[in-house]
Amino acid sequence: DSRAAQAVSVMKKLACLCLREFPNVRAEQFERSHVPIAREDHTYLEMYRQFVVLCLKILSEKQEPEVLQSFINALPIVMMEGSVNSREATALKYYLQNLKSTNLPDRLILSIRTE
């Protein structure tokens, strides 16, 4: 299907963008801490969060195995901060349901709020 192929193409380009823009992103950078972080670090982390949201929206639009694989390749860390009743949450659920138990990431950060 051409929409799936387009989604895969976009995710591959996003994976390249992620490697270039977020080469050193680590899960511990997103842990809540009482230590204040520098403004540029906060901006960097917020940009990555928005990048993840974009990727989740693409995955929510086309839940296909090829798109999922491209999603996995694009994101070194998967996170969601938001409502369980969102498109992003639906995509995250699809991602989690289709992970192989042997490939379970230690890079998943989940913060859910109820509305």
PDB file of N, CA and C in Angstrom:
ATOM      1  N   ASP A   1       0.850  -1.181   0.000  1.00  0.00           N
ATOM      2  CA  ASP A   1       0.000   0.000   0.000  1.00  0.00           C
ATOM      3  C   ASP A   1       0.891   1.237   0.000  1.00  0.00           C
ATOM      4  N   SER A   2       0.533   2.207  -0.804  1.00  0.00           N
ATOM      5  CA  SER A   2       1.399   3.371  -0.991  1.00  0.00           C
ATOM      6  C   SER A   2       1.491   4.246   0.264  1.00  0.00           C
ATOM      7  N   ARG A   3       0.434   4.284   1.069  1.00  0.00           N
ATOM      8  CA  ARG A   3       0.485   5.086   2.296  1.00  0.00           C
ATOM      9  C   ARG A   3       1.475   4.476   3.288  1.00  0.00           C
ATOM     10  N   ALA A   4       1.507   3.158   3.357  1.00  0.00           N
ATOM     11  CA  ALA A   4       2.475   2.498   4.230  1.00  0.00           C
ATOM     12  C   ALA A   4       3.893   2.769   3.734  1.00  0.00           C
ATOM     13  N   ALA A   5       4.100   2.708   2.423  1.00  0.00           N
ATOM     14  CA  ALA A   5       5.416   2.983   1.846  1.00  0.00           C
ATOM     15  C   ALA A   5       5.836   4.424   2.125  1.00  0.00           C
ATOM     16  N   GLN A   6       4.896   5.346   2.036  1.00  0.00           N
ATOM     17  CA  GLN A   6       5.201   6.745   2.350  1.00  0.00           C
ATOM     18  C   GLN A   6       5.571   6.895   3.823  1.00  0.00           C
ATOM     19  N   ALA A   7       4.833   6.232   4.690  1.00  0.00           N
ATOM     20  CA  ALA A   7       5.112   6.311   6.123  1.00  0.00           C
ATOM     21  C   ALA A   7       6.488   5.733   6.429  1.00  0.00           C
ATOM     22  N   VAL A   8       6.838   4.624   5.790  1.00  0.00           N
ATOM     23  CA  VAL A   8       8.158   4.022   5.988  1.00  0.00           C
ATOM     24  C   VAL A   8       9.241   4.992   5.514  1.00  0.00           C
ATOM     25  N   SER A   9       9.027   5.603   4.366  1.00  0.00           N
ATOM     26  CA  SER A   9       9.993   6.558   3.826  1.00  0.00           C
ATOM     27  C   SER A   9      10.188   7.737   4.776  1.00  0.00           C
ATOM     28  N   VAL A  10       9.101   8.263   5.289  1.00  0.00           N
ATOM     29  CA  VAL A  10       9.181   9.385   6.238  1.00  0.00           C
ATOM     30  C   VAL A  10       9.904   8.951   7.507  1.00  0.00           C
ATOM     31  N   MET A  11       9.576   7.773   8.032  1.00  0.00           N
ATOM     32  CA  MET A  11      10.222   7.303   9.259  1.00  0.00           C
ATOM     33  C   MET A  11      11.724   7.081   9.044  1.00  0.00           C
ATOM     34  N   LYS A  12      12.113   6.610   7.860  1.00  0.00           N
ATOM     35  CA  LYS A  12      13.538   6.431   7.573  1.00  0.00           C
ATOM     36  C   LYS A  12      14.252   7.778   7.563  1.00  0.00           C
ATOM     37  N   LYS A  13      13.607   8.779   6.993  1.00  0.00           N
ATOM     38  CA  LYS A  13      14.196  10.124   6.992  1.00  0.00           C
ATOM     39  C   LYS A  13      14.262  10.676   8.410  1.00  0.00           C
ATOM     40  N   LEU A  14      13.245  10.401   9.207  1.00  0.00           N
ATOM     41  CA  LEU A  14      13.255  10.832  10.598  1.00  0.00           C
ATOM     42  C   LEU A  14      14.346  10.120  11.392  1.00  0.00           C
ATOM     43  N   ALA A  15      14.616   8.858  11.059  1.00  0.00           N
ATOM     44  CA  ALA A  15      15.693   8.124  11.728  1.00  0.00           C
ATOM     45  C   ALA A  15      17.039   8.798  11.442  1.00  0.00           C
ATOM     46  N   CYS A  16      17.246   9.217  10.209  1.00  0.00           N
ATOM     47  CA  CYS A  16      18.485   9.933   9.859  1.00  0.00           C
ATOM     48  C   CYS A  16      18.559  11.256  10.602  1.00  0.00           C
ATOM     49  N   LEU A  17      17.446  11.951  10.670  1.00  0.00           N
ATOM     50  CA  LEU A  17      17.380  13.220  11.394  1.00  0.00           C
ATOM     51  C   LEU A  17      17.689  13.003  12.876  1.00  0.00           C
ATOM     52  N   CYS A  18      17.148  11.936  13.439  1.00  0.00           N
ATOM     53  CA  CYS A  18      17.377  11.634  14.848  1.00  0.00           C
ATOM     54  C   CYS A  18      18.856  11.387  15.110  1.00  0.00           C
ATOM     55  N   LEU A  19      19.506  10.632  14.249  1.00  0.00           N
ATOM     56  CA  LEU A  19      20.938  10.353  14.413  1.00  0.00           C
ATOM     57  C   LEU A  19      21.763  11.638  14.368  1.00  0.00           C
ATOM     58  N   ARG A  20      21.338  12.559  13.506  1.00  0.00           N
ATOM     59  CA  ARG A  20      22.071  13.808  13.364  1.00  0.00           C
ATOM     60  C   ARG A  20      21.789  14.781  14.514  1.00  0.00           C
ATOM     61  N   GLU A  21      20.520  14.907  14.889  1.00  0.00           N
ATOM     62  CA  GLU A  21      20.121  15.913  15.871  1.00  0.00           C
ATOM     63  C   GLU A  21      20.203  15.433  17.321  1.00  0.00           C
ATOM     64  N   PHE A  22      20.044  14.141  17.536  1.00  0.00           N
ATOM     65  CA  PHE A  22      20.026  13.593  18.900  1.00  0.00           C
ATOM     66  C   PHE A  22      21.022  12.442  19.049  1.00  0.00           C
ATOM     67  N   PRO A  23      22.286  12.661  18.707  1.00  0.00           N
ATOM     68  CA  PRO A  23      23.240  11.548  18.709  1.00  0.00           C
ATOM     69  C   PRO A  23      23.563  11.001  20.098  1.00  0.00           C
ATOM     70  N   ASN A  24      23.397  11.811  21.113  1.00  0.00           N
ATOM     71  CA  ASN A  24      23.803  11.387  22.451  1.00  0.00           C
ATOM     72  C   ASN A  24      22.647  11.285  23.430  1.00  0.00           C
ATOM     73  N   VAL A  25      21.442  11.148  22.934  1.00  0.00           N
ATOM     74  CA  VAL A  25      20.284  11.086  23.821  1.00  0.00           C
ATOM     75  C   VAL A  25      20.333   9.797  24.644  1.00  0.00           C
ATOM     76  N   ARG A  26      20.092   9.953  25.954  1.00  0.00           N
ATOM     77  CA  ARG A  26      20.131   8.806  26.865  1.00  0.00           C
ATOM     78  C   ARG A  26      18.900   8.850  27.765  1.00  0.00           C
ATOM     79  N   ALA A  27      18.430   7.707  28.172  1.00  0.00           N
ATOM     80  CA  ALA A  27      17.224   7.614  29.002  1.00  0.00           C
ATOM     81  C   ALA A  27      17.383   8.372  30.313  1.00  0.00           C
ATOM     82  N   GLU A  28      18.565   8.318  30.908  1.00  0.00           N
ATOM     83  CA  GLU A  28      18.743   8.977  32.205  1.00  0.00           C
ATOM     84  C   GLU A  28      18.589  10.492  32.119  1.00  0.00           C
ATOM     85  N   GLN A  29      18.708  11.054  30.925  1.00  0.00           N
ATOM     86  CA  GLN A  29      18.506  12.493  30.777  1.00  0.00           C
ATOM     87  C   GLN A  29      17.053  12.891  31.055  1.00  0.00           C
ATOM     88  N   PHE A  30      16.142  11.939  30.926  1.00  0.00           N
ATOM     89  CA  PHE A  30      14.722  12.234  31.080  1.00  0.00           C
ATOM     90  C   PHE A  30      14.197  11.893  32.467  1.00  0.00           C
ATOM     91  N   GLU A  31      15.052  11.353  33.303  1.00  0.00           N
ATOM     92  CA  GLU A  31      14.610  11.018  34.652  1.00  0.00           C
ATOM     93  C   GLU A  31      14.348  12.293  35.432  1.00  0.00           C
ATOM     94  N   ARG A  32      13.302  12.259  36.225  1.00  0.00           N
ATOM     95  CA  ARG A  32      12.961  13.406  37.065  1.00  0.00           C
ATOM     96  C   ARG A  32      14.040  13.571  38.128  1.00  0.00           C
ATOM     97  N   SER A  33      14.453  14.783  38.310  1.00  0.00           N
ATOM     98  CA  SER A  33      15.499  15.060  39.282  1.00  0.00           C
ATOM     99  C   SER A  33      15.221  16.410  39.942  1.00  0.00           C
ATOM    100  N   HIS A  34      15.732  16.546  41.137  1.00  0.00           N
ATOM    101  CA  HIS A  34      15.594  17.820  41.832  1.00  0.00           C
ATOM    102  C   HIS A  34      16.716  18.779  41.439  1.00  0.00           C
ATOM    103  N   VAL A  35      17.662  18.270  40.679  1.00  0.00           N
ATOM    104  CA  VAL A  35      18.776  19.097  40.233  1.00  0.00           C
ATOM    105  C   VAL A  35      18.330  19.866  38.979  1.00  0.00           C
ATOM    106  N   PRO A  36      18.434  21.181  39.013  1.00  0.00           N
ATOM    107  CA  PRO A  36      18.036  21.949  37.821  1.00  0.00           C
ATOM    108  C   PRO A  36      18.952  21.646  36.639  1.00  0.00           C
ATOM    109  N   ILE A  37      18.372  21.672  35.445  1.00  0.00           N
ATOM    110  CA  ILE A  37      19.187  21.431  34.253  1.00  0.00           C
ATOM    111  C   ILE A  37      19.329  22.736  33.480  1.00  0.00           C
ATOM    112  N   ALA A  38      20.372  22.820  32.711  1.00  0.00           N
ATOM    113  CA  ALA A  38      20.626  24.018  31.914  1.00  0.00           C
ATOM    114  C   ALA A  38      19.519  24.218  30.885  1.00  0.00           C
ATOM    115  N   ARG A  39      19.282  25.466  30.542  1.00  0.00           N
ATOM    116  CA  ARG A  39      18.224  25.822  29.579  1.00  0.00           C
ATOM    117  C   ARG A  39      18.406  25.094  28.249  1.00  0.00           C
ATOM    118  N   GLU A  40      19.645  25.028  27.743  1.00  0.00           N
ATOM    119  CA  GLU A  40      19.868  24.367  26.456  1.00  0.00           C
ATOM    120  C   GLU A  40      19.602  22.870  26.537  1.00  0.00           C
ATOM    121  N   ASP A  41      19.892  22.266  27.685  1.00  0.00           N
ATOM    122  CA  ASP A  41      19.573  20.847  27.871  1.00  0.00           C
ATOM    123  C   ASP A  41      18.066  20.641  27.924  1.00  0.00           C
ATOM    124  N   HIS A  42      17.384  21.532  28.601  1.00  0.00           N
ATOM    125  CA  HIS A  42      15.916  21.447  28.672  1.00  0.00           C
ATOM    126  C   HIS A  42      15.315  21.580  27.264  1.00  0.00           C
ATOM    127  N   THR A  43      15.820  22.513  26.477  1.00  0.00           N
ATOM    128  CA  THR A  43      15.336  22.709  25.103  1.00  0.00           C
ATOM    129  C   THR A  43      15.596  21.462  24.266  1.00  0.00           C
ATOM    130  N   TYR A  44      16.780  20.886  24.403  1.00  0.00           N
ATOM    131  CA  TYR A  44      17.156  19.677  23.668  1.00  0.00           C
ATOM    132  C   TYR A  44      16.204  18.530  24.000  1.00  0.00           C
ATOM    133  N   LEU A  45      15.936  18.334  25.294  1.00  0.00           N
ATOM    134  CA  LEU A  45      15.051  17.246  25.720  1.00  0.00           C
ATOM    135  C   LEU A  45      13.617  17.491  25.257  1.00  0.00           C
ATOM    136  N   GLU A  46      13.175  18.722  25.299  1.00  0.00           N
ATOM    137  CA  GLU A  46      11.823  19.041  24.829  1.00  0.00           C
ATOM    138  C   GLU A  46      11.702  18.805  23.324  1.00  0.00           C
ATOM    139  N   MET A  47      12.741  19.151  22.580  1.00  0.00           N
ATOM    140  CA  MET A  47      12.727  18.884  21.134  1.00  0.00           C
ATOM    141  C   MET A  47      12.635  17.386  20.879  1.00  0.00           C
ATOM    142  N   TYR A  48      13.355  16.585  21.656  1.00  0.00           N
ATOM    143  CA  TYR A  48      13.291  15.131  21.473  1.00  0.00           C
ATOM    144  C   TYR A  48      11.891  14.618  21.807  1.00  0.00           C
ATOM    145  N   ARG A  49      11.294  15.137  22.866  1.00  0.00           N
ATOM    146  CA  ARG A  49       9.920  14.730  23.214  1.00  0.00           C
ATOM    147  C   ARG A  49       8.962  15.011  22.055  1.00  0.00           C
ATOM    148  N   GLN A  50       9.090  16.186  21.452  1.00  0.00           N
ATOM    149  CA  GLN A  50       8.234  16.542  20.322  1.00  0.00           C
ATOM    150  C   GLN A  50       8.521  15.654  19.108  1.00  0.00           C
ATOM    151  N   PHE A  51       9.774  15.275  18.934  1.00  0.00           N
ATOM    152  CA  PHE A  51      10.153  14.364  17.859  1.00  0.00           C
ATOM    153  C   PHE A  51       9.462  13.017  18.052  1.00  0.00           C
ATOM    154  N   VAL A  52       9.449  12.521  19.281  1.00  0.00           N
ATOM    155  CA  VAL A  52       8.786  11.249  19.584  1.00  0.00           C
ATOM    156  C   VAL A  52       7.287  11.355  19.304  1.00  0.00           C
ATOM    157  N   VAL A  53       6.677  12.468  19.686  1.00  0.00           N
ATOM    158  CA  VAL A  53       5.241  12.670  19.435  1.00  0.00           C
ATOM    159  C   VAL A  53       4.966  12.600  17.935  1.00  0.00           C
ATOM    160  N   LEU A  54       5.800  13.249  17.139  1.00  0.00           N
ATOM    161  CA  LEU A  54       5.636  13.210  15.682  1.00  0.00           C
ATOM    162  C   LEU A  54       5.708  11.769  15.175  1.00  0.00           C
ATOM    163  N   CYS A  55       6.691  11.021  15.637  1.00  0.00           N
ATOM    164  CA  CYS A  55       6.837   9.625  15.206  1.00  0.00           C
ATOM    165  C   CYS A  55       5.644   8.778  15.649  1.00  0.00           C
ATOM    166  N   LEU A  56       5.150   9.022  16.859  1.00  0.00           N
ATOM    167  CA  LEU A  56       3.966   8.289  17.333  1.00  0.00           C
ATOM    168  C   LEU A  56       2.743   8.610  16.484  1.00  0.00           C
ATOM    169  N   LYS A  57       2.614   9.854  16.072  1.00  0.00           N
ATOM    170  CA  LYS A  57       1.472  10.227  15.217  1.00  0.00           C
ATOM    171  C   LYS A  57       1.549   9.509  13.874  1.00  0.00           C
ATOM    172  N   ILE A  58       2.739   9.427  13.320  1.00  0.00           N
ATOM    173  CA  ILE A  58       2.903   8.712  12.048  1.00  0.00           C
ATOM    174  C   ILE A  58       2.551   7.240  12.238  1.00  0.00           C
ATOM    175  N   LEU A  59       3.031   6.636  13.310  1.00  0.00           N
ATOM    176  CA  LEU A  59       2.722   5.226  13.582  1.00  0.00           C
ATOM    177  C   LEU A  59       1.228   5.036  13.814  1.00  0.00           C
ATOM    178  N   SER A  60       0.586   5.996  14.452  1.00  0.00           N
ATOM    179  CA  SER A  60      -0.855   5.859  14.699  1.00  0.00           C
ATOM    180  C   SER A  60      -1.646   5.925  13.399  1.00  0.00           C
ATOM    181  N   GLU A  61      -1.134   6.653  12.422  1.00  0.00           N
ATOM    182  CA  GLU A  61      -1.807   6.763  11.130  1.00  0.00           C
ATOM    183  C   GLU A  61      -1.713   5.481  10.313  1.00  0.00           C
ATOM    184  N   LYS A  62      -0.604   4.800  10.443  1.00  0.00           N
ATOM    185  CA  LYS A  62      -0.385   3.594   9.631  1.00  0.00           C
ATOM    186  C   LYS A  62       0.278   2.524  10.479  1.00  0.00           C
ATOM    187  N   GLN A  63      -0.524   1.703  11.097  1.00  0.00           N
ATOM    188  CA  GLN A  63      -0.006   0.632  11.950  1.00  0.00           C
ATOM    189  C   GLN A  63       0.256  -0.605  11.104  1.00  0.00           C
ATOM    190  N   GLU A  64       1.422  -0.595  10.496  1.00  0.00           N
ATOM    191  CA  GLU A  64       1.873  -1.690   9.631  1.00  0.00           C
ATOM    192  C   GLU A  64       3.234  -2.170  10.138  1.00  0.00           C
ATOM    193  N   PRO A  65       3.572  -3.436   9.932  1.00  0.00           N
ATOM    194  CA  PRO A  65       4.861  -3.950  10.406  1.00  0.00           C
ATOM    195  C   PRO A  65       6.075  -3.161   9.894  1.00  0.00           C
ATOM    196  N   GLU A  66       6.043  -2.739   8.629  1.00  0.00           N
ATOM    197  CA  GLU A  66       7.183  -1.998   8.078  1.00  0.00           C
ATOM    198  C   GLU A  66       7.320  -0.631   8.731  1.00  0.00           C
ATOM    199  N   VAL A  67       6.191   0.012   8.993  1.00  0.00           N
ATOM    200  CA  VAL A  67       6.200   1.321   9.647  1.00  0.00           C
ATOM    201  C   VAL A  67       6.684   1.154  11.084  1.00  0.00           C
ATOM    202  N   LEU A  68       6.225   0.103  11.749  1.00  0.00           N
ATOM    203  CA  LEU A  68       6.659  -0.180  13.114  1.00  0.00           C
ATOM    204  C   LEU A  68       8.170  -0.388  13.164  1.00  0.00           C
ATOM    205  N   GLN A  69       8.713  -1.157  12.241  1.00  0.00           N
ATOM    206  CA  GLN A  69      10.161  -1.397  12.224  1.00  0.00           C
ATOM    207  C   GLN A  69      10.920  -0.095  12.006  1.00  0.00           C
ATOM    208  N   SER A  70      10.422   0.749  11.128  1.00  0.00           N
ATOM    209  CA  SER A  70      11.055   2.047  10.898  1.00  0.00           C
ATOM    210  C   SER A  70      10.970   2.924  12.141  1.00  0.00           C
ATOM    211  N   PHE A  71       9.850   2.832  12.843  1.00  0.00           N
ATOM    212  CA  PHE A  71       9.663   3.564  14.099  1.00  0.00           C
ATOM    213  C   PHE A  71      10.702   3.108  15.127  1.00  0.00           C
ATOM    214  N   ILE A  72      10.864   1.804  15.264  1.00  0.00           N
ATOM    215  CA  ILE A  72      11.834   1.243  16.211  1.00  0.00           C
ATOM    216  C   ILE A  72      13.248   1.706  15.854  1.00  0.00           C
ATOM    217  N   ASN A  73      13.566   1.721  14.567  1.00  0.00           N
ATOM    218  CA  ASN A  73      14.895   2.140  14.127  1.00  0.00           C
ATOM    219  C   ASN A  73      15.116   3.646  14.326  1.00  0.00           C
ATOM    220  N   ALA A  74      14.055   4.425  14.265  1.00  0.00           N
ATOM    221  CA  ALA A  74      14.177   5.890  14.341  1.00  0.00           C
ATOM    222  C   ALA A  74      14.399   6.388  15.759  1.00  0.00           C
ATOM    223  N   LEU A  75      13.909   5.651  16.752  1.00  0.00           N
ATOM    224  CA  LEU A  75      13.912   6.177  18.115  1.00  0.00           C
ATOM    225  C   LEU A  75      14.794   5.374  19.065  1.00  0.00           C
ATOM    226  N   PRO A  76      15.865   5.978  19.561  1.00  0.00           N
ATOM    227  CA  PRO A  76      16.675   5.274  20.549  1.00  0.00           C
ATOM    228  C   PRO A  76      15.949   5.164  21.890  1.00  0.00           C
ATOM    229  N   ILE A  77      15.053   6.103  22.159  1.00  0.00           N
ATOM    230  CA  ILE A  77      14.259   6.093  23.392  1.00  0.00           C
ATOM    231  C   ILE A  77      12.818   6.394  23.003  1.00  0.00           C
ATOM    232  N   VAL A  78      11.900   5.586  23.490  1.00  0.00           N
ATOM    233  CA  VAL A  78      10.476   5.820  23.234  1.00  0.00           C
ATOM    234  C   VAL A  78       9.858   6.319  24.525  1.00  0.00           C
ATOM    235  N   MET A  79       9.113   7.407  24.414  1.00  0.00           N
ATOM    236  CA  MET A  79       8.471   7.956  25.599  1.00  0.00           C
ATOM    237  C   MET A  79       7.131   8.544  25.229  1.00  0.00           C
ATOM    238  N   MET A  80       6.290   8.624  26.220  1.00  0.00           N
ATOM    239  CA  MET A  80       5.013   9.293  26.033  1.00  0.00           C
ATOM    240  C   MET A  80       4.625   9.923  27.350  1.00  0.00           C
ATOM    241  N   GLU A  81       4.301  11.165  27.288  1.00  0.00           N
ATOM    242  CA  GLU A  81       3.776  11.887  28.438  1.00  0.00           C
ATOM    243  C   GLU A  81       2.442  12.441  27.987  1.00  0.00           C
ATOM    244  N   GLY A  82       1.393  11.877  28.458  1.00  0.00           N
ATOM    245  CA  GLY A  82       0.112  12.399  28.022  1.00  0.00           C
ATOM    246  C   GLY A  82      -1.039  11.508  28.382  1.00  0.00           C
ATOM    247  N   SER A  83      -2.115  11.766  27.723  1.00  0.00           N
ATOM    248  CA  SER A  83      -3.369  11.095  27.987  1.00  0.00           C
ATOM    249  C   SER A  83      -3.390   9.697  27.395  1.00  0.00           C
ATOM    250  N   VAL A  84      -4.058   8.798  28.079  1.00  0.00           N
ATOM    251  CA  VAL A  84      -4.213   7.446  27.549  1.00  0.00           C
ATOM    252  C   VAL A  84      -5.271   7.426  26.440  1.00  0.00           C
ATOM    253  N   ASN A  85      -5.970   8.515  26.263  1.00  0.00           N
ATOM    254  CA  ASN A  85      -7.016   8.600  25.246  1.00  0.00           C
ATOM    255  C   ASN A  85      -6.569   9.417  24.045  1.00  0.00           C
ATOM    256  N   SER A  86      -5.322   9.262  23.654  1.00  0.00           N
ATOM    257  CA  SER A  86      -4.798  10.035  22.535  1.00  0.00           C
ATOM    258  C   SER A  86      -4.351   9.113  21.406  1.00  0.00           C
ATOM    259  N   ARG A  87      -4.126   9.709  20.237  1.00  0.00           N
ATOM    260  CA  ARG A  87      -3.602   8.944  19.097  1.00  0.00           C
ATOM    261  C   ARG A  87      -2.222   8.388  19.426  1.00  0.00           C
ATOM    262  N   GLU A  88      -1.440   9.187  20.148  1.00  0.00           N
ATOM    263  CA  GLU A  88      -0.097   8.740  20.504  1.00  0.00           C
ATOM    264  C   GLU A  88      -0.158   7.511  21.410  1.00  0.00           C
ATOM    265  N   ALA A  89      -1.112   7.488  22.328  1.00  0.00           N
ATOM    266  CA  ALA A  89      -1.263   6.334  23.219  1.00  0.00           C
ATOM    267  C   ALA A  89      -1.663   5.089  22.431  1.00  0.00           C
ATOM    268  N   THR A  90      -2.496   5.262  21.427  1.00  0.00           N
ATOM    269  CA  THR A  90      -2.896   4.140  20.573  1.00  0.00           C
ATOM    270  C   THR A  90      -1.672   3.589  19.832  1.00  0.00           C
ATOM    271  N   ALA A  91      -0.836   4.478  19.330  1.00  0.00           N
ATOM    272  CA  ALA A  91       0.379   4.044  18.633  1.00  0.00           C
ATOM    273  C   ALA A  91       1.335   3.360  19.599  1.00  0.00           C
ATOM    274  N   LEU A  92       1.460   3.895  20.801  1.00  0.00           N
ATOM    275  CA  LEU A  92       2.340   3.283  21.791  1.00  0.00           C
ATOM    276  C   LEU A  92       1.846   1.886  22.163  1.00  0.00           C
ATOM    277  N   LYS A  93       0.549   1.728  22.278  1.00  0.00           N
ATOM    278  CA  LYS A  93      -0.034   0.412  22.576  1.00  0.00           C
ATOM    279  C   LYS A  93       0.312  -0.577  21.450  1.00  0.00           C
ATOM    280  N   TYR A  94       0.180  -0.140  20.214  1.00  0.00           N
ATOM    281  CA  TYR A  94       0.534  -0.986  19.066  1.00  0.00           C
ATOM    282  C   TYR A  94       2.015  -1.370  19.129  1.00  0.00           C
ATOM    283  N   TYR A  95       2.862  -0.397  19.431  1.00  0.00           N
ATOM    284  CA  TYR A  95       4.309  -0.634  19.563  1.00  0.00           C
ATOM    285  C   TYR A  95       4.571  -1.692  20.632  1.00  0.00           C
ATOM    286  N   LEU A  96       3.969  -1.525  21.796  1.00  0.00           N
ATOM    287  CA  LEU A  96       4.198  -2.457  22.900  1.00  0.00           C
ATOM    288  C   LEU A  96       3.667  -3.863  22.604  1.00  0.00           C
ATOM    289  N   GLN A  97       2.505  -3.936  21.958  1.00  0.00           N
ATOM    290  CA  GLN A  97       1.917  -5.231  21.646  1.00  0.00           C
ATOM    291  C   GLN A  97       2.725  -6.000  20.618  1.00  0.00           C
ATOM    292  N   ASN A  98       3.504  -5.294  19.825  1.00  0.00           N
ATOM    293  CA  ASN A  98       4.239  -5.956  18.747  1.00  0.00           C
ATOM    294  C   ASN A  98       5.729  -6.080  19.004  1.00  0.00           C
ATOM    295  N   LEU A  99       6.158  -5.719  20.188  1.00  0.00           N
ATOM    296  CA  LEU A  99       7.554  -5.946  20.547  1.00  0.00           C
ATOM    297  C   LEU A  99       7.752  -7.415  20.872  1.00  0.00           C
ATOM    298  N   LYS A 100       8.843  -7.949  20.456  1.00  0.00           N
ATOM    299  CA  LYS A 100       9.200  -9.312  20.838  1.00  0.00           C
ATOM    300  C   LYS A 100       9.721  -9.245  22.270  1.00  0.00           C
ATOM    301  N   SER A 101       9.363 -10.195  23.087  1.00  0.00           N
ATOM    302  CA  SER A 101       9.778 -10.148  24.494  1.00  0.00           C
ATOM    303  C   SER A 101      11.294 -10.115  24.648  1.00  0.00           C
ATOM    304  N   THR A 102      12.011 -10.692  23.700  1.00  0.00           N
ATOM    305  CA  THR A 102      13.464 -10.664  23.770  1.00  0.00           C
ATOM    306  C   THR A 102      14.023  -9.297  23.395  1.00  0.00           C
ATOM    307  N   ASN A 103      13.208  -8.474  22.725  1.00  0.00           N
ATOM    308  CA  ASN A 103      13.663  -7.151  22.302  1.00  0.00           C
ATOM    309  C   ASN A 103      13.082  -6.040  23.151  1.00  0.00           C
ATOM    310  N   LEU A 104      12.550  -6.383  24.297  1.00  0.00           N
ATOM    311  CA  LEU A 104      11.953  -5.369  25.147  1.00  0.00           C
ATOM    312  C   LEU A 104      12.997  -4.330  25.495  1.00  0.00           C
ATOM    313  N   PRO A 105      12.711  -3.081  25.227  1.00  0.00           N
ATOM    314  CA  PRO A 105      13.733  -2.059  25.441  1.00  0.00           C
ATOM    315  C   PRO A 105      13.873  -1.686  26.906  1.00  0.00           C
ATOM    316  N   ASP A 106      15.049  -1.251  27.257  1.00  0.00           N
ATOM    317  CA  ASP A 106      15.238  -0.640  28.564  1.00  0.00           C
ATOM    318  C   ASP A 106      15.220   0.868  28.348  1.00  0.00           C
ATOM    319  N   ARG A 107      14.558   1.274  27.293  1.00  0.00           N
ATOM    320  CA  ARG A 107      14.549   2.654  26.856  1.00  0.00           C
ATOM    321  C   ARG A 107      13.131   3.203  26.708  1.00  0.00           C
ATOM    322  N   LEU A 108      12.237   2.663  27.461  1.00  0.00           N
ATOM    323  CA  LEU A 108      10.847   3.088  27.376  1.00  0.00           C
ATOM    324  C   LEU A 108      10.507   3.902  28.618  1.00  0.00           C
ATOM    325  N   ILE A 109      10.017   5.104  28.404  1.00  0.00           N
ATOM    326  CA  ILE A 109       9.644   5.991  29.507  1.00  0.00           C
ATOM    327  C   ILE A 109       8.171   6.312  29.331  1.00  0.00           C
ATOM    328  N   LEU A 110       7.400   6.076  30.358  1.00  0.00           N
ATOM    329  CA  LEU A 110       5.965   6.274  30.250  1.00  0.00           C
ATOM    330  C   LEU A 110       5.468   7.083  31.446  1.00  0.00           C
ATOM    331  N   SER A 111       4.830   8.181  31.143  1.00  0.00           N
ATOM    332  CA  SER A 111       4.236   9.033  32.173  1.00  0.00           C
ATOM    333  C   SER A 111       2.821   9.338  31.691  1.00  0.00           C
ATOM    334  N   ILE A 112       1.834   8.795  32.372  1.00  0.00           N
ATOM    335  CA  ILE A 112       0.445   8.926  31.927  1.00  0.00           C
ATOM    336  C   ILE A 112      -0.317   9.803  32.909  1.00  0.00           C
ATOM    337  N   ARG A 113      -1.116  10.677  32.344  1.00  0.00           N
ATOM    338  CA  ARG A 113      -1.997  11.460  33.183  1.00  0.00           C
ATOM    339  C   ARG A 113      -3.427  11.154  32.770  1.00  0.00           C
ATOM    340  N   THR A 114      -4.311  11.186  33.705  1.00  0.00           N
ATOM    341  CA  THR A 114      -5.717  10.985  33.390  1.00  0.00           C
ATOM    342  C   THR A 114      -6.370  12.344  33.262  1.00  0.00           C
ATOM    343  N   GLU A 115      -7.358  12.405  32.395  1.00  0.00           N
ATOM    344  CA  GLU A 115      -8.042  13.681  32.171  1.00  0.00           C
ATOM    345  C   GLU A 115      -9.421  13.657  32.741  1.00  0.00           C
TER     346      GLU A 115
END
